[in-house]
N, C-alpha and C. Protein backbone atom coordinates (compact mmCIF):
# COMPACT_ATOMS: atom_id res chain seq x y z
N MET A 1 -27.44 -27.16 30.31
CA MET A 1 -26.55 -26.43 29.42
C MET A 1 -25.33 -27.32 29.14
N THR A 2 -24.94 -27.42 27.88
CA THR A 2 -23.80 -28.27 27.54
C THR A 2 -22.52 -27.62 28.04
N ASP A 3 -21.49 -28.46 28.15
CA ASP A 3 -20.20 -27.94 28.63
C ASP A 3 -19.66 -26.85 27.74
N ASN A 4 -19.80 -27.00 26.40
CA ASN A 4 -19.30 -25.98 25.48
C ASN A 4 -20.03 -24.66 25.66
N LYS A 5 -21.35 -24.71 25.76
CA LYS A 5 -22.12 -23.47 25.93
C LYS A 5 -21.75 -22.79 27.25
N LYS A 6 -21.60 -23.60 28.29
CA LYS A 6 -21.24 -23.05 29.60
C LYS A 6 -19.86 -22.40 29.54
N MET A 7 -18.91 -23.08 28.88
CA MET A 7 -17.55 -22.54 28.76
C MET A 7 -17.56 -21.23 27.96
N ILE A 8 -18.36 -21.20 26.88
CA ILE A 8 -18.44 -19.98 26.06
C ILE A 8 -19.05 -18.85 26.88
N GLN A 9 -20.11 -19.15 27.64
CA GLN A 9 -20.75 -18.13 28.45
C GLN A 9 -19.79 -17.59 29.51
N GLU A 10 -19.04 -18.49 30.16
CA GLU A 10 -18.08 -18.07 31.18
C GLU A 10 -16.97 -17.23 30.56
N SER A 11 -16.51 -17.62 29.37
CA SER A 11 -15.47 -16.85 28.68
C SER A 11 -15.97 -15.47 28.34
N GLY A 12 -17.22 -15.40 27.89
CA GLY A 12 -17.81 -14.10 27.55
C GLY A 12 -17.90 -13.19 28.77
N GLU A 13 -18.29 -13.78 29.90
CA GLU A 13 -18.37 -13.00 31.14
C GLU A 13 -16.99 -12.52 31.57
N LYS A 14 -15.99 -13.38 31.45
CA LYS A 14 -14.62 -12.99 31.83
C LYS A 14 -14.14 -11.85 30.93
N LEU A 15 -14.44 -11.94 29.65
CA LEU A 15 -14.02 -10.89 28.72
C LEU A 15 -14.73 -9.58 29.05
N LYS A 16 -16.04 -9.66 29.31
CA LYS A 16 -16.80 -8.46 29.66
C LYS A 16 -16.23 -7.81 30.91
N ASN A 17 -15.91 -8.62 31.92
CA ASN A 17 -15.34 -8.08 33.15
C ASN A 17 -13.97 -7.45 32.91
N ALA A 18 -13.15 -8.11 32.09
CA ALA A 18 -11.82 -7.57 31.79
C ALA A 18 -11.93 -6.23 31.07
N LEU A 19 -12.87 -6.13 30.12
CA LEU A 19 -13.06 -4.87 29.40
C LEU A 19 -13.55 -3.76 30.32
N ASN A 20 -14.45 -4.11 31.23
CA ASN A 20 -14.93 -3.11 32.19
C ASN A 20 -13.80 -2.62 33.08
N GLU A 21 -12.96 -3.54 33.53
CA GLU A 21 -11.83 -3.15 34.37
C GLU A 21 -10.84 -2.30 33.59
N ALA A 22 -10.63 -2.64 32.31
CA ALA A 22 -9.68 -1.88 31.49
C ALA A 22 -10.17 -0.46 31.29
N SER A 23 -11.47 -0.27 31.14
CA SER A 23 -11.97 1.09 30.92
C SER A 23 -11.91 1.93 32.19
N ASP A 24 -11.66 1.29 33.33
CA ASP A 24 -11.55 2.01 34.58
C ASP A 24 -10.14 2.51 34.86
N LEU A 25 -9.20 2.22 33.94
CA LEU A 25 -7.83 2.69 34.15
C LEU A 25 -7.78 4.20 34.09
N PRO A 26 -6.96 4.81 34.91
CA PRO A 26 -6.78 6.26 34.82
C PRO A 26 -6.28 6.65 33.42
N GLU A 27 -6.65 7.84 32.99
CA GLU A 27 -6.30 8.30 31.65
C GLU A 27 -4.80 8.23 31.39
N LYS A 28 -4.00 8.58 32.39
CA LYS A 28 -2.54 8.55 32.23
C LYS A 28 -2.05 7.14 31.90
N GLU A 29 -2.61 6.13 32.58
CA GLU A 29 -2.21 4.74 32.33
C GLU A 29 -2.71 4.27 30.97
N GLN A 30 -3.94 4.68 30.59
CA GLN A 30 -4.47 4.31 29.28
C GLN A 30 -3.59 4.88 28.17
N LYS A 31 -3.17 6.13 28.34
CA LYS A 31 -2.33 6.77 27.34
C LYS A 31 -1.00 6.02 27.20
N LYS A 32 -0.43 5.65 28.35
CA LYS A 32 0.84 4.93 28.34
C LYS A 32 0.70 3.58 27.64
N LEU A 33 -0.41 2.88 27.85
CA LEU A 33 -0.63 1.58 27.21
C LEU A 33 -0.78 1.71 25.69
N ASN A 34 -1.26 2.85 25.22
CA ASN A 34 -1.46 3.06 23.79
C ASN A 34 -0.21 3.52 23.06
N GLU A 35 0.83 3.88 23.80
CA GLU A 35 2.06 4.33 23.16
C GLU A 35 2.84 3.13 22.64
N PRO A 36 3.35 3.21 21.40
CA PRO A 36 4.14 2.09 20.88
C PRO A 36 5.46 1.97 21.63
N LEU A 37 5.94 0.74 21.71
CA LEU A 37 7.24 0.52 22.34
C LEU A 37 8.32 1.04 21.40
N VAL A 38 9.28 1.75 21.96
CA VAL A 38 10.34 2.33 21.15
C VAL A 38 11.68 1.89 21.72
N ASP A 39 12.52 1.39 20.85
CA ASP A 39 13.88 1.06 21.25
C ASP A 39 14.73 2.29 20.96
N PRO A 40 15.21 2.98 21.99
CA PRO A 40 15.95 4.23 21.76
C PRO A 40 17.22 4.03 20.94
N GLU A 41 17.70 2.82 20.89
CA GLU A 41 18.92 2.56 20.12
C GLU A 41 18.62 2.17 18.68
N GLY A 42 17.37 1.95 18.33
CA GLY A 42 17.02 1.54 16.97
C GLY A 42 17.47 0.11 16.72
N LEU A 43 17.67 -0.22 15.47
CA LEU A 43 18.10 -1.57 15.10
C LEU A 43 19.59 -1.74 15.38
N ASP A 44 19.95 -2.94 15.83
CA ASP A 44 21.38 -3.20 15.95
C ASP A 44 21.95 -3.40 14.53
N GLU A 45 23.23 -3.43 14.41
CA GLU A 45 23.88 -3.44 13.09
C GLU A 45 23.50 -4.67 12.26
N ALA A 46 23.41 -5.84 12.89
CA ALA A 46 23.06 -7.07 12.15
C ALA A 46 21.65 -6.97 11.59
N ASN A 47 20.71 -6.47 12.39
CA ASN A 47 19.33 -6.34 11.91
C ASN A 47 19.20 -5.24 10.87
N LYS A 48 19.94 -4.16 11.03
CA LYS A 48 19.91 -3.09 10.04
C LYS A 48 20.44 -3.59 8.70
N GLN A 49 21.52 -4.34 8.73
CA GLN A 49 22.09 -4.89 7.49
C GLN A 49 21.10 -5.86 6.84
N PHE A 50 20.47 -6.70 7.66
CA PHE A 50 19.48 -7.64 7.15
C PHE A 50 18.32 -6.89 6.49
N LEU A 51 17.80 -5.86 7.17
CA LEU A 51 16.70 -5.07 6.63
C LEU A 51 17.10 -4.41 5.32
N ASP A 52 18.28 -3.82 5.27
CA ASP A 52 18.75 -3.17 4.04
C ASP A 52 18.85 -4.17 2.90
N ASP A 53 19.35 -5.36 3.19
CA ASP A 53 19.49 -6.41 2.17
C ASP A 53 18.12 -6.86 1.66
N VAL A 54 17.20 -7.10 2.60
CA VAL A 54 15.86 -7.53 2.20
C VAL A 54 15.17 -6.46 1.37
N MET A 55 15.22 -5.21 1.83
CA MET A 55 14.55 -4.13 1.10
C MET A 55 15.14 -3.95 -0.30
N ALA A 56 16.44 -4.11 -0.43
CA ALA A 56 17.07 -4.01 -1.76
C ALA A 56 16.55 -5.12 -2.67
N LYS A 57 16.42 -6.33 -2.14
CA LYS A 57 15.94 -7.46 -2.94
C LYS A 57 14.46 -7.30 -3.30
N LEU A 58 13.70 -6.67 -2.43
CA LEU A 58 12.30 -6.39 -2.75
C LEU A 58 12.21 -5.35 -3.87
N GLU A 59 13.02 -4.31 -3.74
CA GLU A 59 12.97 -3.22 -4.71
C GLU A 59 13.45 -3.65 -6.09
N ASN A 60 14.45 -4.55 -6.15
CA ASN A 60 14.93 -4.96 -7.47
C ASN A 60 14.17 -6.17 -8.03
N GLY A 61 13.15 -6.64 -7.29
CA GLY A 61 12.29 -7.72 -7.78
C GLY A 61 12.82 -9.12 -7.55
N GLU A 62 13.95 -9.24 -6.87
CA GLU A 62 14.52 -10.56 -6.60
C GLU A 62 13.61 -11.36 -5.67
N ILE A 63 12.95 -10.66 -4.75
CA ILE A 63 12.00 -11.30 -3.84
C ILE A 63 10.60 -10.79 -4.19
N ASP A 64 9.67 -11.75 -4.37
CA ASP A 64 8.26 -11.44 -4.56
C ASP A 64 7.55 -11.85 -3.28
N LEU A 65 6.90 -10.92 -2.63
CA LEU A 65 6.30 -11.18 -1.32
C LEU A 65 5.13 -12.16 -1.35
N HIS A 66 4.74 -12.62 -2.53
CA HIS A 66 3.65 -13.59 -2.65
C HIS A 66 4.11 -14.89 -3.30
N THR A 67 5.42 -15.05 -3.47
CA THR A 67 5.96 -16.26 -4.10
C THR A 67 7.07 -16.82 -3.22
N PRO A 68 6.74 -17.84 -2.40
CA PRO A 68 7.73 -18.39 -1.46
C PRO A 68 9.04 -18.85 -2.11
N ASP A 69 8.97 -19.35 -3.33
CA ASP A 69 10.19 -19.82 -4.01
C ASP A 69 11.24 -18.73 -4.15
N THR A 70 10.81 -17.46 -4.13
CA THR A 70 11.76 -16.38 -4.37
C THR A 70 12.67 -16.10 -3.18
N ILE A 71 12.35 -16.66 -2.00
CA ILE A 71 13.27 -16.48 -0.87
C ILE A 71 14.05 -17.76 -0.56
N ILE A 72 13.85 -18.78 -1.39
CA ILE A 72 14.53 -20.05 -1.16
C ILE A 72 15.69 -20.19 -2.13
N ASN A 73 16.84 -20.56 -1.60
CA ASN A 73 18.01 -20.84 -2.43
C ASN A 73 17.81 -22.23 -3.04
N GLN A 74 17.42 -22.25 -4.29
CA GLN A 74 17.05 -23.51 -4.93
C GLN A 74 18.22 -24.50 -5.03
N ASP A 75 19.45 -24.02 -5.13
CA ASP A 75 20.60 -24.91 -5.20
C ASP A 75 20.73 -25.73 -3.92
N VAL A 76 20.48 -25.12 -2.78
CA VAL A 76 20.56 -25.82 -1.49
C VAL A 76 19.28 -26.64 -1.29
N TYR A 77 18.14 -26.04 -1.57
CA TYR A 77 16.84 -26.67 -1.36
C TYR A 77 16.73 -27.99 -2.11
N SER A 78 17.18 -28.02 -3.34
CA SER A 78 17.03 -29.22 -4.17
C SER A 78 17.80 -30.42 -3.62
N LYS A 79 18.79 -30.17 -2.78
CA LYS A 79 19.61 -31.26 -2.22
C LYS A 79 19.06 -31.75 -0.87
N LEU A 80 18.02 -31.13 -0.38
CA LEU A 80 17.46 -31.50 0.93
C LEU A 80 16.46 -32.64 0.79
N GLY A 81 16.23 -33.34 1.90
CA GLY A 81 15.22 -34.39 1.94
C GLY A 81 13.83 -33.79 1.92
N GLU A 82 12.83 -34.65 1.66
CA GLU A 82 11.45 -34.19 1.56
C GLU A 82 10.96 -33.52 2.83
N LYS A 83 11.31 -34.09 3.97
CA LYS A 83 10.85 -33.53 5.25
C LYS A 83 11.37 -32.11 5.43
N VAL A 84 12.64 -31.90 5.20
CA VAL A 84 13.22 -30.56 5.38
C VAL A 84 12.68 -29.60 4.33
N GLN A 85 12.45 -30.09 3.11
CA GLN A 85 11.85 -29.23 2.09
C GLN A 85 10.46 -28.79 2.50
N GLY A 86 9.68 -29.73 3.07
CA GLY A 86 8.33 -29.39 3.52
C GLY A 86 8.36 -28.34 4.62
N GLU A 87 9.27 -28.51 5.58
CA GLU A 87 9.41 -27.53 6.65
C GLU A 87 9.84 -26.18 6.09
N THR A 88 10.75 -26.23 5.15
CA THR A 88 11.24 -24.99 4.52
C THR A 88 10.10 -24.28 3.81
N ASP A 89 9.26 -25.03 3.11
CA ASP A 89 8.11 -24.44 2.42
C ASP A 89 7.19 -23.72 3.40
N LEU A 90 6.91 -24.38 4.53
CA LEU A 90 6.04 -23.76 5.54
C LEU A 90 6.67 -22.50 6.12
N TYR A 91 7.95 -22.57 6.46
CA TYR A 91 8.64 -21.41 7.01
C TYR A 91 8.72 -20.28 5.98
N ALA A 92 8.87 -20.62 4.72
CA ALA A 92 8.95 -19.59 3.68
C ALA A 92 7.65 -18.79 3.62
N VAL A 93 6.52 -19.47 3.73
CA VAL A 93 5.23 -18.78 3.71
C VAL A 93 5.12 -17.86 4.92
N THR A 94 5.50 -18.36 6.09
CA THR A 94 5.45 -17.56 7.31
C THR A 94 6.40 -16.36 7.21
N MET A 95 7.59 -16.61 6.72
CA MET A 95 8.57 -15.52 6.59
C MET A 95 8.09 -14.45 5.63
N LEU A 96 7.44 -14.85 4.53
CA LEU A 96 6.93 -13.86 3.59
C LEU A 96 5.84 -13.00 4.23
N ALA A 97 5.01 -13.61 5.06
CA ALA A 97 3.99 -12.82 5.77
C ALA A 97 4.66 -11.78 6.66
N ARG A 98 5.71 -12.17 7.37
CA ARG A 98 6.43 -11.22 8.22
C ARG A 98 7.13 -10.16 7.36
N LEU A 99 7.68 -10.56 6.23
CA LEU A 99 8.34 -9.59 5.34
C LEU A 99 7.34 -8.58 4.80
N ARG A 100 6.11 -9.02 4.54
CA ARG A 100 5.08 -8.07 4.09
C ARG A 100 4.80 -7.05 5.20
N GLU A 101 4.76 -7.51 6.44
CA GLU A 101 4.57 -6.59 7.56
C GLU A 101 5.74 -5.62 7.68
N ILE A 102 6.94 -6.13 7.53
CA ILE A 102 8.14 -5.28 7.60
C ILE A 102 8.09 -4.23 6.50
N LYS A 103 7.73 -4.65 5.30
CA LYS A 103 7.66 -3.71 4.18
C LYS A 103 6.63 -2.62 4.47
N ASP A 104 5.48 -3.02 5.01
CA ASP A 104 4.45 -2.03 5.33
C ASP A 104 4.96 -1.03 6.37
N LEU A 105 5.66 -1.53 7.39
CA LEU A 105 6.22 -0.64 8.41
C LEU A 105 7.29 0.26 7.83
N HIS A 106 8.10 -0.30 6.94
CA HIS A 106 9.15 0.48 6.30
C HIS A 106 8.53 1.59 5.45
N GLN A 107 7.44 1.26 4.73
CA GLN A 107 6.76 2.27 3.92
C GLN A 107 6.16 3.34 4.82
N PHE A 108 5.62 2.93 5.96
CA PHE A 108 5.06 3.88 6.91
C PHE A 108 6.13 4.87 7.36
N LYS A 109 7.29 4.34 7.70
CA LYS A 109 8.40 5.18 8.14
C LYS A 109 8.77 6.18 7.03
N ASN A 110 8.80 5.71 5.80
CA ASN A 110 9.13 6.59 4.68
C ASN A 110 8.05 7.65 4.46
N LEU A 111 6.79 7.26 4.62
CA LEU A 111 5.70 8.22 4.45
C LEU A 111 5.76 9.32 5.51
N VAL A 112 6.04 8.93 6.74
CA VAL A 112 6.17 9.91 7.82
C VAL A 112 7.30 10.88 7.48
N GLU A 113 8.41 10.35 7.03
CA GLU A 113 9.56 11.21 6.68
C GLU A 113 9.21 12.13 5.52
N GLN A 114 8.50 11.62 4.50
CA GLN A 114 8.12 12.46 3.36
C GLN A 114 7.23 13.62 3.79
N VAL A 115 6.25 13.33 4.63
CA VAL A 115 5.35 14.39 5.10
C VAL A 115 6.12 15.42 5.91
N ARG A 116 6.98 14.95 6.81
CA ARG A 116 7.76 15.87 7.64
C ARG A 116 8.67 16.75 6.79
N LEU A 117 9.36 16.14 5.83
CA LEU A 117 10.28 16.92 4.99
C LEU A 117 9.53 17.92 4.12
N THR A 118 8.36 17.52 3.59
CA THR A 118 7.56 18.44 2.79
C THR A 118 7.11 19.62 3.64
N LYS A 119 6.62 19.33 4.82
CA LYS A 119 6.19 20.37 5.76
C LYS A 119 7.35 21.32 6.04
N GLU A 120 8.51 20.76 6.38
CA GLU A 120 9.67 21.60 6.71
C GLU A 120 10.10 22.45 5.52
N ARG A 121 10.07 21.87 4.33
CA ARG A 121 10.48 22.61 3.13
C ARG A 121 9.54 23.79 2.88
N LEU A 122 8.23 23.53 2.99
CA LEU A 122 7.26 24.60 2.75
C LEU A 122 7.31 25.67 3.83
N GLU A 123 7.53 25.24 5.07
CA GLU A 123 7.55 26.20 6.17
C GLU A 123 8.85 26.98 6.25
N LYS A 124 9.88 26.50 5.57
CA LYS A 124 11.16 27.20 5.58
C LYS A 124 10.99 28.63 5.08
N ASP A 125 10.19 28.79 4.02
CA ASP A 125 9.99 30.12 3.45
C ASP A 125 8.72 30.79 3.94
N ALA A 126 7.68 29.99 4.19
CA ALA A 126 6.38 30.58 4.50
C ALA A 126 6.11 30.71 5.99
N GLY A 127 6.95 30.14 6.83
CA GLY A 127 6.69 30.18 8.26
C GLY A 127 5.87 28.98 8.70
N ASN A 128 5.44 28.98 9.92
CA ASN A 128 4.73 27.84 10.52
C ASN A 128 3.29 27.81 10.04
N ILE A 129 3.07 27.40 8.77
CA ILE A 129 1.72 27.46 8.16
C ILE A 129 0.87 26.24 8.45
N PHE A 130 1.43 25.17 8.95
CA PHE A 130 0.68 23.97 9.25
C PHE A 130 0.53 23.79 10.75
N LYS A 131 -0.55 23.17 11.18
CA LYS A 131 -0.78 22.91 12.59
C LYS A 131 -0.01 21.69 13.07
N ILE A 132 0.54 20.96 12.17
CA ILE A 132 1.28 19.74 12.55
C ILE A 132 2.76 20.01 12.62
């Protein structure tokens, strides 16, 4: 057996063993592992301001989540050397991927709020008509 095949087989066995051990966790521990991490304080002021600024630029079209040039200050960028411009280009692509994730999470938060508010508005007059 070649070294690669042996390594793959051993990795597969390790993964299988890890999955078997994970399924043996008590239900209480499994539930705890599935709960998302929550920061009870929410975003600090600097991050909240950053998020608000980014979301505003997304909404007004100043930033396009699929066009790296839209997050680069061209006046500064044009004065940089090739090496720094190349690094900036790579980071811009990575940052846009993260911004797309942030936007999706932000939309999720808004959707949850919309559903909750709609439920509360309808139940205000009709009573507890939903199971949620």
